[in-house]
């Protein structure tokens, strides 16, 4: 049971964190409005992935804590949980609503000219996405190394 739960936990982490790592890079590679519309269409269709992955990550993490009898007795685990909660809040409350507005802006544009407002809006979102990516790296490091 432990191994199955661990595999599900790792796959959930990939679904949750992989999306947040790769989608910004894919979005930055778009050079025209039609490419941006395509990227936002694909990301909209895949937006369920980090939500399901995040929920499964929490559920399998709790399951692993129960099976191992670890509870909240390790500081690395407590810090990982805190950072993971910050990730969920940052993505759900700050990044996703802004990206929805940008996606609507791009969808409403015509032709292949990237709307001028797009660059301005993305400059506000990019630091948030970078912070989320750094938090994810910190969580991964804590989970793998278990330093304290």
N, C-alpha and C. Protein backbone atom coordinates (compact mmCIF):
# COMPACT_ATOMS: atom_id res chain seq x y z
N UNK A 1 0.83 -1.20 0.00
CA UNK A 1 0.00 0.00 0.00
C UNK A 1 0.87 1.26 0.00
N UNK A 2 1.95 1.23 0.78
CA UNK A 2 2.84 2.38 0.87
C UNK A 2 3.40 2.76 -0.51
N UNK A 3 3.90 1.76 -1.23
CA UNK A 3 4.51 2.02 -2.54
C UNK A 3 3.50 2.59 -3.54
N UNK A 4 2.31 2.05 -3.54
CA UNK A 4 1.27 2.55 -4.44
C UNK A 4 0.94 4.00 -4.11
N UNK A 5 0.79 4.29 -2.85
CA UNK A 5 0.49 5.65 -2.41
C UNK A 5 1.64 6.60 -2.76
N UNK A 6 2.87 6.13 -2.61
CA UNK A 6 4.03 6.94 -2.95
C UNK A 6 4.07 7.24 -4.44
N UNK A 7 3.80 6.23 -5.28
CA UNK A 7 3.77 6.44 -6.73
C UNK A 7 2.67 7.44 -7.09
N UNK A 8 1.50 7.29 -6.51
CA UNK A 8 0.40 8.24 -6.77
C UNK A 8 0.77 9.64 -6.30
N UNK A 9 1.48 9.72 -5.18
CA UNK A 9 1.92 11.02 -4.65
C UNK A 9 2.88 11.69 -5.63
N UNK A 10 3.81 10.94 -6.16
CA UNK A 10 4.78 11.49 -7.11
C UNK A 10 4.09 11.89 -8.41
N UNK A 11 3.19 11.06 -8.91
CA UNK A 11 2.45 11.41 -10.14
C UNK A 11 1.58 12.65 -9.92
N UNK A 12 0.99 12.77 -8.74
CA UNK A 12 0.19 13.96 -8.41
C UNK A 12 1.07 15.21 -8.39
N UNK A 13 2.27 15.07 -7.84
CA UNK A 13 3.21 16.20 -7.81
C UNK A 13 3.59 16.62 -9.22
N UNK A 14 3.79 15.65 -10.10
CA UNK A 14 4.13 15.96 -11.49
C UNK A 14 2.97 16.70 -12.16
N UNK A 15 1.75 16.22 -11.95
CA UNK A 15 0.58 16.87 -12.55
C UNK A 15 0.42 18.29 -12.03
N UNK A 16 0.59 18.47 -10.73
CA UNK A 16 0.40 19.79 -10.12
C UNK A 16 1.54 20.74 -10.48
N UNK A 17 2.76 20.30 -10.26
CA UNK A 17 3.90 21.18 -10.43
C UNK A 17 4.37 21.28 -11.88
N UNK A 18 4.23 20.20 -12.62
CA UNK A 18 4.66 20.21 -14.01
C UNK A 18 3.94 21.27 -14.83
N UNK A 19 2.66 21.38 -14.59
CA UNK A 19 1.84 22.38 -15.29
C UNK A 19 2.38 23.78 -15.03
N UNK A 20 2.65 24.10 -13.79
CA UNK A 20 3.10 25.45 -13.42
C UNK A 20 4.52 25.73 -13.91
N UNK A 21 5.32 24.69 -14.11
CA UNK A 21 6.67 24.90 -14.62
C UNK A 21 6.68 25.12 -16.13
N UNK A 22 5.90 24.33 -16.86
CA UNK A 22 6.03 24.33 -18.31
C UNK A 22 5.10 25.29 -19.04
N UNK A 23 3.93 25.54 -18.51
CA UNK A 23 2.98 26.41 -19.21
C UNK A 23 3.53 27.83 -19.40
N UNK A 24 4.15 28.46 -18.39
CA UNK A 24 4.71 29.79 -18.65
C UNK A 24 5.76 29.80 -19.76
N UNK A 25 6.58 28.77 -19.83
CA UNK A 25 7.59 28.69 -20.89
C UNK A 25 6.93 28.53 -22.26
N UNK A 26 5.90 27.73 -22.32
CA UNK A 26 5.18 27.55 -23.59
C UNK A 26 4.52 28.87 -23.99
N UNK A 27 3.92 29.56 -23.03
CA UNK A 27 3.27 30.84 -23.31
C UNK A 27 4.27 31.87 -23.82
N UNK A 28 5.47 31.91 -23.21
CA UNK A 28 6.49 32.86 -23.64
C UNK A 28 7.00 32.58 -25.05
N UNK A 29 6.88 31.33 -25.50
CA UNK A 29 7.36 30.99 -26.83
C UNK A 29 6.43 31.48 -27.93
N UNK A 30 5.19 31.82 -27.59
CA UNK A 30 4.23 32.32 -28.58
C UNK A 30 4.62 33.73 -29.01
N UNK A 31 4.70 33.92 -30.32
CA UNK A 31 5.14 35.22 -30.86
C UNK A 31 4.02 36.00 -31.56
N UNK A 32 2.95 35.32 -31.92
CA UNK A 32 1.85 36.00 -32.60
C UNK A 32 0.57 35.82 -31.80
N UNK A 33 -0.44 36.61 -32.13
CA UNK A 33 -1.72 36.52 -31.42
C UNK A 33 -2.38 35.17 -31.66
N UNK A 34 -2.26 34.63 -32.87
CA UNK A 34 -2.86 33.31 -33.13
C UNK A 34 -2.16 32.22 -32.32
N UNK A 35 -0.84 32.33 -32.15
CA UNK A 35 -0.13 31.38 -31.30
C UNK A 35 -0.57 31.52 -29.85
N UNK A 36 -0.74 32.75 -29.41
CA UNK A 36 -1.21 32.98 -28.04
C UNK A 36 -2.61 32.42 -27.83
N UNK A 37 -3.49 32.62 -28.82
CA UNK A 37 -4.84 32.07 -28.70
C UNK A 37 -4.78 30.55 -28.59
N UNK A 38 -3.91 29.92 -29.38
CA UNK A 38 -3.73 28.47 -29.32
C UNK A 38 -3.23 28.04 -27.94
N UNK A 39 -2.22 28.73 -27.43
CA UNK A 39 -1.65 28.40 -26.12
C UNK A 39 -2.71 28.53 -25.03
N UNK A 40 -3.46 29.64 -25.04
CA UNK A 40 -4.48 29.82 -24.02
C UNK A 40 -5.62 28.81 -24.18
N UNK A 41 -5.91 28.40 -25.39
CA UNK A 41 -6.93 27.37 -25.61
C UNK A 41 -6.47 26.04 -25.01
N UNK A 42 -5.24 25.66 -25.27
CA UNK A 42 -4.69 24.41 -24.74
C UNK A 42 -4.61 24.47 -23.21
N UNK A 43 -4.09 25.57 -22.67
CA UNK A 43 -3.96 25.67 -21.22
C UNK A 43 -5.33 25.68 -20.54
N UNK A 44 -6.31 26.27 -21.21
CA UNK A 44 -7.67 26.23 -20.66
C UNK A 44 -8.21 24.82 -20.60
N UNK A 45 -7.91 24.03 -21.63
CA UNK A 45 -8.37 22.64 -21.65
C UNK A 45 -7.62 21.78 -20.64
N UNK A 46 -6.39 22.17 -20.30
CA UNK A 46 -5.59 21.40 -19.35
C UNK A 46 -5.65 21.96 -17.92
N UNK A 47 -6.45 22.98 -17.71
CA UNK A 47 -6.47 23.63 -16.39
C UNK A 47 -6.96 22.72 -15.28
N UNK A 48 -7.63 21.64 -15.61
CA UNK A 48 -8.08 20.67 -14.61
C UNK A 48 -6.90 19.89 -14.03
N UNK A 49 -5.82 19.76 -14.79
CA UNK A 49 -4.70 18.92 -14.38
C UNK A 49 -4.07 19.35 -13.05
N UNK A 50 -3.70 20.63 -12.88
CA UNK A 50 -3.11 20.99 -11.58
C UNK A 50 -4.12 20.96 -10.43
N UNK A 51 -5.39 21.15 -10.73
CA UNK A 51 -6.40 21.10 -9.67
C UNK A 51 -6.57 19.67 -9.15
N UNK A 52 -6.70 18.73 -10.06
CA UNK A 52 -6.81 17.32 -9.67
C UNK A 52 -5.49 16.86 -9.04
N UNK A 53 -4.38 17.25 -9.67
CA UNK A 53 -3.07 16.87 -9.14
C UNK A 53 -2.84 17.42 -7.75
N UNK A 54 -3.23 18.67 -7.51
CA UNK A 54 -3.06 19.27 -6.19
C UNK A 54 -3.90 18.59 -5.13
N UNK A 55 -5.14 18.28 -5.47
CA UNK A 55 -6.01 17.59 -4.50
C UNK A 55 -5.49 16.19 -4.21
N UNK A 56 -5.06 15.49 -5.26
CA UNK A 56 -4.51 14.14 -5.06
C UNK A 56 -3.19 14.20 -4.29
N UNK A 57 -2.41 15.24 -4.52
CA UNK A 57 -1.15 15.40 -3.80
C UNK A 57 -1.39 15.53 -2.30
N UNK A 58 -2.36 16.33 -1.94
CA UNK A 58 -2.70 16.49 -0.52
C UNK A 58 -3.24 15.19 0.06
N UNK A 59 -4.15 14.54 -0.65
CA UNK A 59 -4.75 13.30 -0.15
C UNK A 59 -3.70 12.19 0.01
N UNK A 60 -2.86 12.03 -0.99
CA UNK A 60 -1.84 10.98 -0.89
C UNK A 60 -0.79 11.33 0.15
N UNK A 61 -0.48 12.61 0.30
CA UNK A 61 0.46 13.04 1.34
C UNK A 61 -0.07 12.73 2.73
N UNK A 62 -1.34 13.00 2.95
CA UNK A 62 -1.96 12.67 4.25
C UNK A 62 -1.95 11.15 4.45
N UNK A 63 -2.26 10.42 3.39
CA UNK A 63 -2.23 8.96 3.47
C UNK A 63 -0.84 8.44 3.83
N UNK A 64 0.18 9.00 3.23
CA UNK A 64 1.56 8.60 3.54
C UNK A 64 1.92 8.94 4.98
N UNK A 65 1.46 10.09 5.45
CA UNK A 65 1.73 10.47 6.84
C UNK A 65 1.07 9.50 7.81
N UNK A 66 -0.14 9.05 7.48
CA UNK A 66 -0.86 8.12 8.34
C UNK A 66 -0.20 6.74 8.31
N UNK A 67 0.13 6.26 7.11
CA UNK A 67 0.72 4.93 6.98
C UNK A 67 2.07 4.84 7.70
N UNK A 68 2.88 5.87 7.56
CA UNK A 68 4.21 5.84 8.18
C UNK A 68 4.18 6.22 9.65
N UNK A 69 3.07 6.78 10.10
CA UNK A 69 2.96 7.22 11.49
C UNK A 69 3.79 8.48 11.76
N UNK A 70 4.14 9.18 10.70
CA UNK A 70 5.01 10.35 10.81
C UNK A 70 4.28 11.55 11.39
N UNK A 71 3.05 11.73 11.01
CA UNK A 71 2.31 12.90 11.48
C UNK A 71 3.02 14.18 11.11
N UNK A 72 2.97 15.15 11.98
CA UNK A 72 3.63 16.44 11.75
C UNK A 72 4.88 16.57 12.62
N UNK A 73 5.57 15.47 12.83
CA UNK A 73 6.70 15.46 13.75
C UNK A 73 8.01 15.95 13.15
N UNK A 74 8.06 16.17 11.84
CA UNK A 74 9.30 16.60 11.18
C UNK A 74 9.14 18.02 10.64
N UNK A 75 10.14 18.84 10.91
CA UNK A 75 10.07 20.24 10.48
C UNK A 75 10.03 20.36 8.96
N UNK A 76 10.79 19.54 8.24
CA UNK A 76 10.79 19.63 6.77
C UNK A 76 9.39 19.39 6.21
N UNK A 77 8.66 18.49 6.85
CA UNK A 77 7.30 18.19 6.41
C UNK A 77 6.37 19.36 6.69
N UNK A 78 6.49 19.96 7.86
CA UNK A 78 5.67 21.12 8.21
C UNK A 78 5.93 22.29 7.26
N UNK A 79 7.20 22.54 6.96
CA UNK A 79 7.55 23.63 6.04
C UNK A 79 7.03 23.31 4.64
N UNK A 80 7.15 22.06 4.22
CA UNK A 80 6.63 21.65 2.90
C UNK A 80 5.13 21.87 2.79
N UNK A 81 4.42 21.51 3.84
CA UNK A 81 2.96 21.69 3.84
C UNK A 81 2.61 23.18 3.78
N UNK A 82 3.31 23.99 4.57
CA UNK A 82 3.07 25.43 4.57
C UNK A 82 3.35 26.03 3.19
N UNK A 83 4.48 25.66 2.58
CA UNK A 83 4.81 26.18 1.25
C UNK A 83 3.80 25.70 0.21
N UNK A 84 3.34 24.47 0.35
CA UNK A 84 2.34 23.94 -0.59
C UNK A 84 1.03 24.71 -0.48
N UNK A 85 0.63 25.05 0.74
CA UNK A 85 -0.57 25.87 0.91
C UNK A 85 -0.39 27.25 0.30
N UNK A 86 0.80 27.82 0.46
CA UNK A 86 1.09 29.11 -0.18
C UNK A 86 1.00 29.00 -1.70
N UNK A 87 1.46 27.87 -2.24
CA UNK A 87 1.37 27.64 -3.68
C UNK A 87 -0.08 27.64 -4.15
N UNK A 88 -0.90 26.91 -3.44
CA UNK A 88 -2.32 26.82 -3.81
C UNK A 88 -2.97 28.20 -3.79
N UNK A 89 -2.69 28.97 -2.75
CA UNK A 89 -3.26 30.32 -2.64
C UNK A 89 -2.71 31.23 -3.75
N UNK A 90 -1.41 31.18 -3.98
CA UNK A 90 -0.81 32.05 -5.00
C UNK A 90 -1.37 31.74 -6.38
N UNK A 91 -1.48 30.47 -6.69
CA UNK A 91 -1.99 30.09 -8.02
C UNK A 91 -3.48 30.41 -8.14
N UNK A 92 -4.25 29.99 -7.16
CA UNK A 92 -5.71 30.16 -7.24
C UNK A 92 -6.19 31.58 -7.06
N UNK A 93 -5.55 32.34 -6.20
CA UNK A 93 -6.05 33.68 -5.88
C UNK A 93 -5.36 34.79 -6.66
N UNK A 94 -4.13 34.58 -7.08
CA UNK A 94 -3.39 35.68 -7.71
C UNK A 94 -3.09 35.44 -9.19
N UNK A 95 -2.64 34.24 -9.54
CA UNK A 95 -2.22 34.01 -10.92
C UNK A 95 -3.40 33.66 -11.82
N UNK A 96 -4.19 32.68 -11.43
CA UNK A 96 -5.28 32.20 -12.29
C UNK A 96 -6.28 33.29 -12.68
N UNK A 97 -6.76 34.12 -11.74
CA UNK A 97 -7.71 35.17 -12.15
C UNK A 97 -7.09 36.16 -13.16
N UNK A 98 -5.83 36.48 -12.98
CA UNK A 98 -5.16 37.39 -13.91
C UNK A 98 -4.99 36.74 -15.29
N UNK A 99 -4.65 35.46 -15.30
CA UNK A 99 -4.49 34.76 -16.57
C UNK A 99 -5.82 34.63 -17.31
N UNK A 100 -6.89 34.47 -16.58
CA UNK A 100 -8.21 34.39 -17.22
C UNK A 100 -8.51 35.70 -17.94
N UNK A 101 -8.20 36.84 -17.31
CA UNK A 101 -8.41 38.14 -17.94
C UNK A 101 -7.54 38.29 -19.18
N UNK A 102 -6.28 37.85 -19.09
CA UNK A 102 -5.37 37.95 -20.23
C UNK A 102 -5.85 37.05 -21.36
N UNK A 103 -6.32 35.86 -21.02
CA UNK A 103 -6.83 34.94 -22.05
C UNK A 103 -8.02 35.54 -22.78
N UNK A 104 -8.90 36.22 -22.05
CA UNK A 104 -10.05 36.88 -22.69
C UNK A 104 -9.59 38.01 -23.59
N UNK A 105 -8.60 38.74 -23.15
CA UNK A 105 -8.03 39.83 -23.95
C UNK A 105 -7.46 39.28 -25.26
N UNK A 106 -6.71 38.20 -25.17
CA UNK A 106 -6.10 37.60 -26.36
C UNK A 106 -7.18 37.01 -27.26
N UNK A 107 -8.18 36.35 -26.67
CA UNK A 107 -9.26 35.75 -27.47
C UNK A 107 -10.05 36.81 -28.23
N UNK A 108 -10.19 37.99 -27.65
CA UNK A 108 -10.96 39.06 -28.29
C UNK A 108 -10.17 39.76 -29.39
N UNK A 109 -8.86 39.55 -29.41
CA UNK A 109 -8.04 40.23 -30.42
C UNK A 109 -8.25 39.59 -31.79
N UNK A 110 -8.03 40.38 -32.81
CA UNK A 110 -8.17 39.90 -34.19
C UNK A 110 -6.82 40.05 -34.89
N UNK A 111 -6.60 39.19 -35.86
CA UNK A 111 -5.35 39.25 -36.61
C UNK A 111 -4.21 38.59 -35.85
N UNK A 112 -2.98 38.84 -36.31
CA UNK A 112 -1.82 38.22 -35.70
C UNK A 112 -1.00 39.17 -34.85
N UNK A 113 -1.48 40.38 -34.71
CA UNK A 113 -0.79 41.36 -33.87
C UNK A 113 -1.11 41.09 -32.40
N UNK A 114 -0.05 40.94 -31.59
CA UNK A 114 -0.24 40.71 -30.16
C UNK A 114 -0.76 42.01 -29.54
N UNK A 115 -1.86 41.95 -28.79
CA UNK A 115 -2.40 43.17 -28.17
C UNK A 115 -1.36 43.83 -27.26
N UNK A 116 -1.30 45.14 -27.30
CA UNK A 116 -0.33 45.88 -26.48
C UNK A 116 -0.56 45.63 -24.99
N UNK A 117 -1.81 45.47 -24.60
CA UNK A 117 -2.14 45.24 -23.20
C UNK A 117 -1.60 43.90 -22.70
N UNK A 118 -1.38 42.96 -23.61
CA UNK A 118 -0.90 41.64 -23.24
C UNK A 118 0.46 41.73 -22.53
N UNK A 119 1.39 42.44 -23.14
CA UNK A 119 2.73 42.55 -22.56
C UNK A 119 2.68 43.20 -21.18
N UNK A 120 1.87 44.24 -21.06
CA UNK A 120 1.74 44.93 -19.77
C UNK A 120 1.16 43.99 -18.71
N UNK A 121 0.14 43.24 -19.07
CA UNK A 121 -0.49 42.32 -18.12
C UNK A 121 0.45 41.18 -17.74
N UNK A 122 1.21 40.68 -18.71
CA UNK A 122 2.12 39.57 -18.44
C UNK A 122 3.30 40.00 -17.57
N UNK A 123 3.69 41.27 -17.66
CA UNK A 123 4.77 41.77 -16.80
C UNK A 123 4.34 41.77 -15.33
N UNK A 124 3.04 41.86 -15.09
CA UNK A 124 2.53 41.80 -13.71
C UNK A 124 2.42 40.35 -13.23
N UNK A 125 2.18 39.43 -14.15
CA UNK A 125 2.00 38.03 -13.79
C UNK A 125 3.33 37.29 -13.68
N UNK A 126 4.29 37.64 -14.50
CA UNK A 126 5.57 36.92 -14.56
C UNK A 126 6.28 36.80 -13.20
N UNK A 127 6.36 37.87 -12.41
CA UNK A 127 7.02 37.71 -11.10
C UNK A 127 6.28 36.74 -10.18
N UNK A 128 4.96 36.72 -10.27
CA UNK A 128 4.17 35.78 -9.47
C UNK A 128 4.46 34.34 -9.89
N UNK A 129 4.51 34.12 -11.20
CA UNK A 129 4.81 32.78 -11.70
C UNK A 129 6.22 32.35 -11.30
N UNK A 130 7.16 33.27 -11.34
CA UNK A 130 8.53 32.96 -10.93
C UNK A 130 8.59 32.61 -9.44
N UNK A 131 7.85 33.35 -8.63
CA UNK A 131 7.81 33.06 -7.19
C UNK A 131 7.21 31.68 -6.94
N UNK A 132 6.16 31.34 -7.67
CA UNK A 132 5.53 30.03 -7.53
C UNK A 132 6.51 28.93 -7.93
N UNK A 133 7.24 29.15 -9.00
CA UNK A 133 8.22 28.16 -9.44
C UNK A 133 9.32 27.97 -8.39
N UNK A 134 9.76 29.05 -7.77
CA UNK A 134 10.77 28.94 -6.71
C UNK A 134 10.23 28.21 -5.49
N UNK A 135 8.98 28.48 -5.14
CA UNK A 135 8.35 27.76 -4.03
C UNK A 135 8.26 26.27 -4.34
N UNK A 136 7.94 25.94 -5.58
CA UNK A 136 7.84 24.53 -5.97
C UNK A 136 9.20 23.85 -5.88
N UNK A 137 10.23 24.53 -6.30
CA UNK A 137 11.58 23.97 -6.18
C UNK A 137 11.91 23.73 -4.71
N UNK A 138 11.56 24.68 -3.86
CA UNK A 138 11.82 24.53 -2.43
C UNK A 138 11.07 23.31 -1.86
N UNK A 139 9.82 23.12 -2.25
CA UNK A 139 9.04 21.98 -1.77
C UNK A 139 9.68 20.67 -2.26
N UNK A 140 10.07 20.63 -3.51
CA UNK A 140 10.70 19.42 -4.06
C UNK A 140 11.99 19.11 -3.31
N UNK A 141 12.81 20.12 -3.08
CA UNK A 141 14.06 19.93 -2.35
C UNK A 141 13.78 19.40 -0.93
N UNK A 142 12.81 20.01 -0.27
CA UNK A 142 12.47 19.55 1.08
C UNK A 142 11.98 18.09 1.08
N UNK A 143 11.18 17.72 0.10
CA UNK A 143 10.64 16.37 0.04
C UNK A 143 11.71 15.34 -0.28
N UNK A 144 12.68 15.72 -1.09
CA UNK A 144 13.71 14.76 -1.49
C UNK A 144 14.83 14.68 -0.45
N UNK A 145 15.31 15.82 0.02
CA UNK A 145 16.46 15.84 0.92
C UNK A 145 16.06 15.66 2.38
N UNK A 146 14.90 16.14 2.75
CA UNK A 146 14.43 16.07 4.15
C UNK A 146 15.51 16.59 5.11
N UNK A 147 15.88 17.87 4.95
CA UNK A 147 17.07 18.38 5.65
C UNK A 147 16.95 18.53 7.17
N UNK A 148 15.76 18.74 7.69
CA UNK A 148 15.63 18.96 9.15
C UNK A 148 14.31 18.41 9.63
